[in-house]
Amino acid sequence: MQYIHTFLDFFTDNFPSIKLISWFFPIAILFSFLSLFIAGFCKQTLKWRTGFSRKLFHFFIFIAAFGCQQKMGLPAVFILGWSVTLVLIYAIIKGDGNLFYEALAREKDAPFRTKYIVYSYLATFFGGVFSNLLFGPFAIFGYAITGIGDAIAEPIGTYFGKHTYRVFSFDKSKISYRSIEGSAAVFVASLIVPLFILYPFHGTFSISFLWLLLTAVICTLTEAFSPSGFDNMLLQIVASFLFSIFIAYNH
């Protein structure tokens, strides 16, 4: 029961003010619709593969969450989450053939295309909640690594992936794969991206390269072995946890 109260307190304690909602919610809605429109335009007009277009939207949202939390705090991320929810509901209602829906729905997920949009949404939502609930401000590392690392993994895997491996899927009738090339992209991003956050985040301190290398390896393995559709959740949580320890160790 205590855990339920803690979970509920997280939402009530960080609920945005009416003032913030009044001016930021319209901006967040516009941003979310524009982000998904751009992703859909890239797929339908520029003929991008879905692996590229969906991760473009993924990148926009995660980086926006990172910026919101850094500049305005967690309540602004709540508002961004509301706007993304509305945009995704609109896309799902429109369904097959719609620009917004097609930006996200992978052909290889058929006949579960909508289900995997929902899976990704829930994974992102719970990943963000638990990262903040358990590791507070270190959740921004989860945003950044998932937003960039996982966002580039699928396009690279789609375009360059020649060496694939099977991953667990909750849909027994669906076979899911990732690629070593895509996982390598997660590793590179997990190694490089934190360097752009560490100094502004917590001042100047010496950085242990071995610690940074270890966190990159663990993040890569987390993404590689996550169930299909749930890598967004686990990668956020693990990255946030690792960098909470990393900074404590290196400070």
C-alpha atoms as a PDB file:
ATOM      1  CA  MET A   1       0.000   0.000   0.000  1.00  0.00           C
ATOM      2  CA  GLN A   2       2.878   2.348   0.778  1.00  0.00           C
ATOM      3  CA  TYR A   3       4.231   1.905  -2.736  1.00  0.00           C
ATOM      4  CA  ILE A   4       0.848   2.856  -4.198  1.00  0.00           C
ATOM      5  CA  HIS A   5       0.796   6.019  -2.085  1.00  0.00           C
ATOM      6  CA  THR A   6       4.352   6.851  -3.202  1.00  0.00           C
ATOM      7  CA  PHE A   7       3.363   6.338  -6.822  1.00  0.00           C
ATOM      8  CA  LEU A   8       0.296   8.568  -6.469  1.00  0.00           C
ATOM      9  CA  ASP A   9       2.265  11.187  -4.520  1.00  0.00           C
ATOM     10  CA  PHE A  10       4.694  11.404  -7.426  1.00  0.00           C
ATOM     11  CA  PHE A  11       1.886  12.640  -9.667  1.00  0.00           C
ATOM     12  CA  THR A  12       0.227  14.937  -7.150  1.00  0.00           C
ATOM     13  CA  ASP A  13       3.513  16.495  -6.009  1.00  0.00           C
ATOM     14  CA  ASN A  14       4.592  17.251  -9.576  1.00  0.00           C
ATOM     15  CA  PHE A  15       1.234  18.214 -11.043  1.00  0.00           C
ATOM     16  CA  PRO A  16       1.717  21.411 -13.086  1.00  0.00           C
ATOM     17  CA  SER A  17       0.234  24.707 -12.021  1.00  0.00           C
ATOM     18  CA  ILE A  18      -2.694  26.269 -13.859  1.00  0.00           C
ATOM     19  CA  LYS A  19      -0.373  29.047 -14.999  1.00  0.00           C
ATOM     20  CA  LEU A  20       2.087  26.594 -16.555  1.00  0.00           C
ATOM     21  CA  ILE A  21      -0.723  24.608 -18.170  1.00  0.00           C
ATOM     22  CA  SER A  22      -2.316  27.739 -19.614  1.00  0.00           C
ATOM     23  CA  TRP A  23       0.714  28.805 -21.633  1.00  0.00           C
ATOM     24  CA  PHE A  24       2.759  25.616 -22.114  1.00  0.00           C
ATOM     25  CA  PHE A  25       0.050  23.079 -22.977  1.00  0.00           C
ATOM     26  CA  PRO A  26      -0.854  24.760 -26.311  1.00  0.00           C
ATOM     27  CA  ILE A  27       2.856  24.865 -27.199  1.00  0.00           C
ATOM     28  CA  ALA A  28       3.297  21.205 -26.265  1.00  0.00           C
ATOM     29  CA  ILE A  29       0.270  20.174 -28.328  1.00  0.00           C
ATOM     30  CA  LEU A  30       1.556  22.099 -31.336  1.00  0.00           C
ATOM     31  CA  PHE A  31       5.031  20.644 -30.923  1.00  0.00           C
ATOM     32  CA  SER A  32       3.726  17.075 -30.638  1.00  0.00           C
ATOM     33  CA  PHE A  33       1.477  17.351 -33.689  1.00  0.00           C
ATOM     34  CA  LEU A  34       4.222  19.033 -35.696  1.00  0.00           C
ATOM     35  CA  SER A  35       6.756  16.370 -34.689  1.00  0.00           C
ATOM     36  CA  LEU A  36       4.480  13.545 -35.782  1.00  0.00           C
ATOM     37  CA  PHE A  37       3.487  15.402 -38.942  1.00  0.00           C
ATOM     38  CA  ILE A  38       7.163  15.794 -39.909  1.00  0.00           C
ATOM     39  CA  ALA A  39       7.765  12.093 -39.250  1.00  0.00           C
ATOM     40  CA  GLY A  40       4.708  11.164 -41.346  1.00  0.00           C
ATOM     41  CA  PHE A  41       5.727  13.530 -44.135  1.00  0.00           C
ATOM     42  CA  CYS A  42       9.184  11.960 -44.224  1.00  0.00           C
ATOM     43  CA  LYS A  43       7.646   8.504 -44.571  1.00  0.00           C
ATOM     44  CA  GLN A  44       4.845   9.153 -47.035  1.00  0.00           C
ATOM     45  CA  THR A  45       6.328  11.940 -49.159  1.00  0.00           C
ATOM     46  CA  LEU A  46      10.071  11.390 -48.855  1.00  0.00           C
ATOM     47  CA  LYS A  47       9.570   7.596 -48.763  1.00  0.00           C
ATOM     48  CA  TRP A  48      11.488   7.016 -45.559  1.00  0.00           C
ATOM     49  CA  ARG A  49      11.281   3.562 -44.037  1.00  0.00           C
ATOM     50  CA  THR A  50       9.094   3.322 -40.956  1.00  0.00           C
ATOM     51  CA  GLY A  51      12.155   2.474 -38.885  1.00  0.00           C
ATOM     52  CA  PHE A  52      13.422   5.963 -39.680  1.00  0.00           C
ATOM     53  CA  SER A  53      10.203   7.968 -39.354  1.00  0.00           C
ATOM     54  CA  ARG A  54       9.053   6.490 -36.024  1.00  0.00           C
ATOM     55  CA  LYS A  55      12.450   7.048 -34.468  1.00  0.00           C
ATOM     56  CA  LEU A  56      12.492  10.629 -35.711  1.00  0.00           C
ATOM     57  CA  PHE A  57       9.333  11.228 -33.663  1.00  0.00           C
ATOM     58  CA  HIS A  58      10.878   9.269 -30.805  1.00  0.00           C
ATOM     59  CA  PHE A  59      13.947  11.539 -30.935  1.00  0.00           C
ATOM     60  CA  PHE A  60      11.877  14.736 -30.961  1.00  0.00           C
ATOM     61  CA  ILE A  61       9.863  13.702 -27.898  1.00  0.00           C
ATOM     62  CA  PHE A  62      12.713  12.406 -25.765  1.00  0.00           C
ATOM     63  CA  ILE A  63      14.913  15.423 -26.444  1.00  0.00           C
ATOM     64  CA  ALA A  64      11.951  17.715 -25.733  1.00  0.00           C
ATOM     65  CA  ALA A  65      11.413  15.896 -22.417  1.00  0.00           C
ATOM     66  CA  PHE A  66      15.090  16.363 -21.615  1.00  0.00           C
ATOM     67  CA  GLY A  67      14.901  20.095 -22.333  1.00  0.00           C
ATOM     68  CA  CYS A  68      11.622  20.562 -20.451  1.00  0.00           C
ATOM     69  CA  GLN A  69      12.907  18.867 -17.328  1.00  0.00           C
ATOM     70  CA  GLN A  70      16.181  20.789 -17.399  1.00  0.00           C
ATOM     71  CA  LYS A  71      14.596  24.204 -17.919  1.00  0.00           C
ATOM     72  CA  MET A  72      11.137  23.992 -16.322  1.00  0.00           C
ATOM     73  CA  GLY A  73      11.111  20.893 -14.168  1.00  0.00           C
ATOM     74  CA  LEU A  74       9.088  17.709 -14.125  1.00  0.00           C
ATOM     75  CA  PRO A  75       5.643  19.420 -14.308  1.00  0.00           C
ATOM     76  CA  ALA A  76       6.509  20.563 -17.844  1.00  0.00           C
ATOM     77  CA  VAL A  77       7.312  16.961 -18.796  1.00  0.00           C
ATOM     78  CA  PHE A  78       3.855  15.981 -17.522  1.00  0.00           C
ATOM     79  CA  ILE A  79       2.301  18.494 -19.897  1.00  0.00           C
ATOM     80  CA  LEU A  80       4.424  17.214 -22.774  1.00  0.00           C
ATOM     81  CA  GLY A  81       3.247  13.692 -21.924  1.00  0.00           C
ATOM     82  CA  TRP A  82      -0.402  14.775 -22.057  1.00  0.00           C
ATOM     83  CA  SER A  83       0.093  16.313 -25.485  1.00  0.00           C
ATOM     84  CA  VAL A  84       1.865  13.233 -26.854  1.00  0.00           C
ATOM     85  CA  THR A  85      -0.968  11.064 -25.512  1.00  0.00           C
ATOM     86  CA  LEU A  86      -3.555  13.134 -27.381  1.00  0.00           C
ATOM     87  CA  VAL A  87      -1.547  13.027 -30.604  1.00  0.00           C
ATOM     88  CA  LEU A  88      -1.164   9.249 -30.409  1.00  0.00           C
ATOM     89  CA  ILE A  89      -4.872   8.764 -29.703  1.00  0.00           C
ATOM     90  CA  TYR A  90      -5.628  10.851 -32.785  1.00  0.00           C
ATOM     91  CA  ALA A  91      -3.221   8.807 -34.917  1.00  0.00           C
ATOM     92  CA  ILE A  92      -4.655   5.484 -33.724  1.00  0.00           C
ATOM     93  CA  ILE A  93      -8.232   6.614 -34.340  1.00  0.00           C
ATOM     94  CA  LYS A  94      -7.313   7.635 -37.887  1.00  0.00           C
ATOM     95  CA  GLY A  95      -5.624   4.277 -38.507  1.00  0.00           C
ATOM     96  CA  ASP A  96      -4.224   2.700 -41.666  1.00  0.00           C
ATOM     97  CA  GLY A  97      -3.213   5.088 -44.404  1.00  0.00           C
ATOM     98  CA  ASN A  98      -3.263   8.219 -42.267  1.00  0.00           C
ATOM     99  CA  LEU A  99      -0.024  10.217 -42.276  1.00  0.00           C
ATOM    100  CA  PHE A 100       0.172  10.366 -38.468  1.00  0.00           C
ATOM    101  CA  TYR A 101      -0.516   6.657 -38.018  1.00  0.00           C
ATOM    102  CA  GLU A 102       1.802   5.521 -40.792  1.00  0.00           C
ATOM    103  CA  ALA A 103       4.673   7.511 -39.270  1.00  0.00           C
ATOM    104  CA  LEU A 104       4.674   5.081 -36.338  1.00  0.00           C
ATOM    105  CA  ALA A 105       3.095   1.796 -37.435  1.00  0.00           C
ATOM    106  CA  ARG A 106       5.681  -0.635 -38.751  1.00  0.00           C
ATOM    107  CA  GLU A 107       4.612  -2.921 -41.558  1.00  0.00           C
ATOM    108  CA  LYS A 108       6.533  -5.819 -40.002  1.00  0.00           C
ATOM    109  CA  ASP A 109       4.350  -5.535 -36.883  1.00  0.00           C
ATOM    110  CA  ALA A 110       1.184  -6.430 -38.813  1.00  0.00           C
ATOM    111  CA  PRO A 111      -1.378  -7.493 -37.726  1.00  0.00           C
ATOM    112  CA  PHE A 112      -0.309  -5.919 -34.413  1.00  0.00           C
ATOM    113  CA  ARG A 113       0.659  -2.481 -35.729  1.00  0.00           C
ATOM    114  CA  THR A 114      -1.535  -0.533 -33.300  1.00  0.00           C
ATOM    115  CA  LYS A 115      -0.575  -2.772 -30.392  1.00  0.00           C
ATOM    116  CA  TYR A 116       3.101  -1.961 -30.851  1.00  0.00           C
ATOM    117  CA  ILE A 117       2.390   1.766 -30.934  1.00  0.00           C
ATOM    118  CA  VAL A 118       0.637   1.335 -27.592  1.00  0.00           C
ATOM    119  CA  TYR A 119       3.444  -0.872 -26.241  1.00  0.00           C
ATOM    120  CA  SER A 120       6.012   1.789 -27.116  1.00  0.00           C
ATOM    121  CA  TYR A 121       3.882   4.506 -25.542  1.00  0.00           C
ATOM    122  CA  LEU A 122       3.386   2.572 -22.290  1.00  0.00           C
ATOM    123  CA  ALA A 123       7.056   1.622 -22.157  1.00  0.00           C
ATOM    124  CA  THR A 124       8.083   5.255 -22.554  1.00  0.00           C
ATOM    125  CA  PHE A 125       5.542   6.423 -19.965  1.00  0.00           C
ATOM    126  CA  PHE A 126       6.445   3.914 -17.269  1.00  0.00           C
ATOM    127  CA  GLY A 127      10.145   4.238 -18.013  1.00  0.00           C
ATOM    128  CA  GLY A 128       9.962   7.972 -17.407  1.00  0.00           C
ATOM    129  CA  VAL A 129       7.835   7.614 -14.273  1.00  0.00           C
ATOM    130  CA  PHE A 130      10.029   5.002 -12.603  1.00  0.00           C
ATOM    131  CA  SER A 131      13.264   6.750 -13.616  1.00  0.00           C
ATOM    132  CA  ASN A 132      12.083   9.934 -11.911  1.00  0.00           C
ATOM    133  CA  LEU A 133      10.492   8.159  -8.981  1.00  0.00           C
ATOM    134  CA  LEU A 134      13.600   6.113  -8.209  1.00  0.00           C
ATOM    135  CA  PHE A 135      16.463   8.328  -9.395  1.00  0.00           C
ATOM    136  CA  GLY A 136      15.087  11.873  -9.476  1.00  0.00           C
ATOM    137  CA  PRO A 137      17.119  14.321 -11.585  1.00  0.00           C
ATOM    138  CA  PHE A 138      19.256  11.525 -13.012  1.00  0.00           C
ATOM    139  CA  ALA A 139      16.268  10.583 -15.184  1.00  0.00           C
ATOM    140  CA  ILE A 140      17.565  13.045 -17.767  1.00  0.00           C
ATOM    141  CA  PHE A 141      20.311  10.545 -18.596  1.00  0.00           C
ATOM    142  CA  GLY A 142      17.626   7.992 -19.364  1.00  0.00           C
ATOM    143  CA  TYR A 143      15.884  10.500 -21.626  1.00  0.00           C
ATOM    144  CA  ALA A 144      19.065  11.397 -23.491  1.00  0.00           C
ATOM    145  CA  ILE A 145      20.442   7.898 -23.968  1.00  0.00           C
ATOM    146  CA  THR A 146      17.081   6.430 -24.949  1.00  0.00           C
ATOM    147  CA  GLY A 147      16.204   9.432 -27.089  1.00  0.00           C
ATOM    148  CA  ILE A 148      19.424   9.329 -29.063  1.00  0.00           C
ATOM    149  CA  GLY A 149      20.834   5.827 -28.619  1.00  0.00           C
ATOM    150  CA  ASP A 150      17.660   3.864 -29.202  1.00  0.00           C
ATOM    151  CA  ALA A 151      16.504   6.372 -31.817  1.00  0.00           C
ATOM    152  CA  ILE A 152      19.518   5.733 -34.032  1.00  0.00           C
ATOM    153  CA  ALA A 153      19.630   1.994 -33.372  1.00  0.00           C
ATOM    154  CA  GLU A 154      16.539   1.129 -35.412  1.00  0.00           C
ATOM    155  CA  PRO A 155      17.413   3.224 -38.491  1.00  0.00           C
ATOM    156  CA  ILE A 156      20.952   1.866 -38.513  1.00  0.00           C
ATOM    157  CA  GLY A 157      19.648  -1.639 -37.971  1.00  0.00           C
ATOM    158  CA  THR A 158      17.066  -1.150 -40.718  1.00  0.00           C
ATOM    159  CA  TYR A 159      19.563   0.182 -43.233  1.00  0.00           C
ATOM    160  CA  PHE A 160      22.832  -1.531 -42.301  1.00  0.00           C
ATOM    161  CA  GLY A 161      21.714  -4.464 -40.174  1.00  0.00           C
ATOM    162  CA  LYS A 162      23.105  -7.651 -41.680  1.00  0.00           C
ATOM    163  CA  HIS A 163      23.686  -9.655 -38.516  1.00  0.00           C
ATOM    164  CA  THR A 164      20.408 -10.157 -36.694  1.00  0.00           C
ATOM    165  CA  TYR A 165      19.422 -11.918 -33.510  1.00  0.00           C
ATOM    166  CA  ARG A 166      16.016 -12.865 -32.222  1.00  0.00           C
ATOM    167  CA  VAL A 167      14.461 -11.090 -29.228  1.00  0.00           C
ATOM    168  CA  PHE A 168      11.614 -12.040 -26.946  1.00  0.00           C
ATOM    169  CA  SER A 169       8.125 -10.907 -27.955  1.00  0.00           C
ATOM    170  CA  PHE A 170       4.946 -11.049 -25.881  1.00  0.00           C
ATOM    171  CA  ASP A 171       3.109 -11.940 -29.093  1.00  0.00           C
ATOM    172  CA  LYS A 172       4.003 -15.576 -29.605  1.00  0.00           C
ATOM    173  CA  SER A 173       2.913 -15.431 -33.240  1.00  0.00           C
ATOM    174  CA  LYS A 174       5.344 -12.602 -33.981  1.00  0.00           C
ATOM    175  CA  ILE A 175       9.070 -13.117 -34.469  1.00  0.00           C
ATOM    176  CA  SER A 176      11.116 -10.030 -33.587  1.00  0.00           C
ATOM    177  CA  TYR A 177      14.736  -9.312 -34.409  1.00  0.00           C
ATOM    178  CA  ARG A 178      17.376  -6.735 -33.614  1.00  0.00           C
ATOM    179  CA  SER A 179      20.753  -6.359 -35.268  1.00  0.00           C
ATOM    180  CA  ILE A 180      24.322  -6.244 -34.005  1.00  0.00           C
ATOM    181  CA  GLU A 181      24.798  -3.076 -36.063  1.00  0.00           C
ATOM    182  CA  GLY A 182      21.873  -1.400 -34.301  1.00  0.00           C
ATOM    183  CA  SER A 183      23.182  -2.499 -30.906  1.00  0.00           C
ATOM    184  CA  ALA A 184      26.581  -1.056 -31.796  1.00  0.00           C
ATOM    185  CA  ALA A 185      24.861   2.280 -32.416  1.00  0.00           C
ATOM    186  CA  VAL A 186      23.343   2.137 -28.922  1.00  0.00           C
ATOM    187  CA  PHE A 187      26.804   1.481 -27.497  1.00  0.00           C
ATOM    188  CA  VAL A 188      28.378   4.460 -29.262  1.00  0.00           C
ATOM    189  CA  ALA A 189      25.546   6.763 -28.225  1.00  0.00           C
ATOM    190  CA  SER A 190      25.636   5.504 -24.619  1.00  0.00           C
ATOM    191  CA  LEU A 191      29.358   6.233 -24.544  1.00  0.00           C
ATOM    192  CA  ILE A 192      29.291   9.689 -26.147  1.00  0.00           C
ATOM    193  CA  VAL A 193      25.956  11.290 -25.242  1.00  0.00           C
ATOM    194  CA  PRO A 194      26.580  11.436 -21.462  1.00  0.00           C
ATOM    195  CA  LEU A 195      29.727  13.492 -22.017  1.00  0.00           C
ATOM    196  CA  PHE A 196      27.559  16.379 -23.228  1.00  0.00           C
ATOM    197  CA  ILE A 197      25.448  16.201 -20.056  1.00  0.00           C
ATOM    198  CA  LEU A 198      27.893  15.431 -17.261  1.00  0.00           C
ATOM    199  CA  TYR A 199      29.642  18.774 -16.842  1.00  0.00           C
ATOM    200  CA  PRO A 200      26.568  21.024 -17.182  1.00  0.00           C
ATOM    201  CA  PHE A 201      24.620  18.605 -14.996  1.00  0.00           C
ATOM    202  CA  HIS A 202      26.899  18.420 -11.969  1.00  0.00           C
ATOM    203  CA  GLY A 203      29.826  20.766 -12.377  1.00  0.00           C
ATOM    204  CA  THR A 204      33.396  19.833 -13.125  1.00  0.00           C
ATOM    205  CA  PHE A 205      34.720  16.524 -11.860  1.00  0.00           C
ATOM    206  CA  SER A 206      37.051  13.845 -13.131  1.00  0.00           C
ATOM    207  CA  ILE A 207      35.443  11.245 -15.363  1.00  0.00           C
ATOM    208  CA  SER A 208      36.458   7.614 -15.134  1.00  0.00           C
ATOM    209  CA  PHE A 209      36.527   6.268 -18.673  1.00  0.00           C
ATOM    210  CA  LEU A 210      36.261   2.697 -17.410  1.00  0.00           C
ATOM    211  CA  TRP A 211      33.067   3.589 -15.522  1.00  0.00           C
ATOM    212  CA  LEU A 212      31.707   5.300 -18.622  1.00  0.00           C
ATOM    213  CA  LEU A 213      32.625   2.285 -20.745  1.00  0.00           C
ATOM    214  CA  LEU A 214      30.925  -0.055 -18.286  1.00  0.00           C
ATOM    215  CA  THR A 215      27.699   1.989 -18.307  1.00  0.00           C
ATOM    216  CA  ALA A 216      27.703   1.982 -22.121  1.00  0.00           C
ATOM    217  CA  VAL A 217      28.098  -1.804 -22.207  1.00  0.00           C
ATOM    218  CA  ILE A 218      25.265  -2.317 -19.696  1.00  0.00           C
ATOM    219  CA  CYS A 219      22.976   0.101 -21.564  1.00  0.00           C
ATOM    220  CA  THR A 220      23.704  -1.732 -24.812  1.00  0.00           C
ATOM    221  CA  LEU A 221      22.931  -5.126 -23.303  1.00  0.00           C
ATOM    222  CA  THR A 222      19.752  -3.733 -21.742  1.00  0.00           C
ATOM    223  CA  GLU A 223      18.483  -2.520 -25.110  1.00  0.00           C
ATOM    224  CA  ALA A 224      19.582  -5.714 -26.842  1.00  0.00           C
ATOM    225  CA  PHE A 225      17.767  -8.100 -24.496  1.00  0.00           C
ATOM    226  CA  SER A 226      14.659  -6.036 -23.760  1.00  0.00           C
ATOM    227  CA  PRO A 227      11.378  -7.586 -24.950  1.00  0.00           C
ATOM    228  CA  SER A 228      10.186  -6.245 -28.284  1.00  0.00           C
ATOM    229  CA  GLY A 229       8.443  -2.906 -27.731  1.00  0.00           C
ATOM    230  CA  PHE A 230       9.701  -2.416 -24.165  1.00  0.00           C
ATOM    231  CA  ASP A 231      13.290  -1.290 -24.679  1.00  0.00           C
ATOM    232  CA  ASN A 232      12.257   2.352 -24.120  1.00  0.00           C
ATOM    233  CA  MET A 233      11.223   1.541 -20.564  1.00  0.00           C
ATOM    234  CA  LEU A 234      14.131  -0.610 -19.458  1.00  0.00           C
ATOM    235  CA  LEU A 235      16.807   1.522 -21.109  1.00  0.00           C
ATOM    236  CA  GLN A 236      15.514   4.687 -19.413  1.00  0.00           C
ATOM    237  CA  ILE A 237      15.479   3.059 -15.979  1.00  0.00           C
ATOM    238  CA  VAL A 238      18.858   1.359 -16.301  1.00  0.00           C
ATOM    239  CA  ALA A 239      20.595   4.447 -17.718  1.00  0.00           C
ATOM    240  CA  SER A 240      19.176   6.656 -14.954  1.00  0.00           C
ATOM    241  CA  PHE A 241      20.287   4.162 -12.303  1.00  0.00           C
ATOM    242  CA  LEU A 242      23.780   3.751 -13.741  1.00  0.00           C
ATOM    243  CA  PHE A 243      24.470   7.460 -13.948  1.00  0.00           C
ATOM    244  CA  SER A 244      23.174   8.087 -10.443  1.00  0.00           C
ATOM    245  CA  ILE A 245      25.917   5.669  -9.316  1.00  0.00           C
ATOM    246  CA  PHE A 246      28.418   7.007 -11.878  1.00  0.00           C
ATOM    247  CA  ILE A 247      28.174  10.578 -10.620  1.00  0.00           C
ATOM    248  CA  ALA A 248      28.255   9.536  -6.967  1.00  0.00           C
ATOM    249  CA  TYR A 249      31.402   7.482  -7.638  1.00  0.00           C
ATOM    250  CA  ASN A 250      33.201  10.114  -9.721  1.00  0.00           C
ATOM    251  CA  HIS A 251      32.251  13.262  -7.826  1.00  0.00           C
END
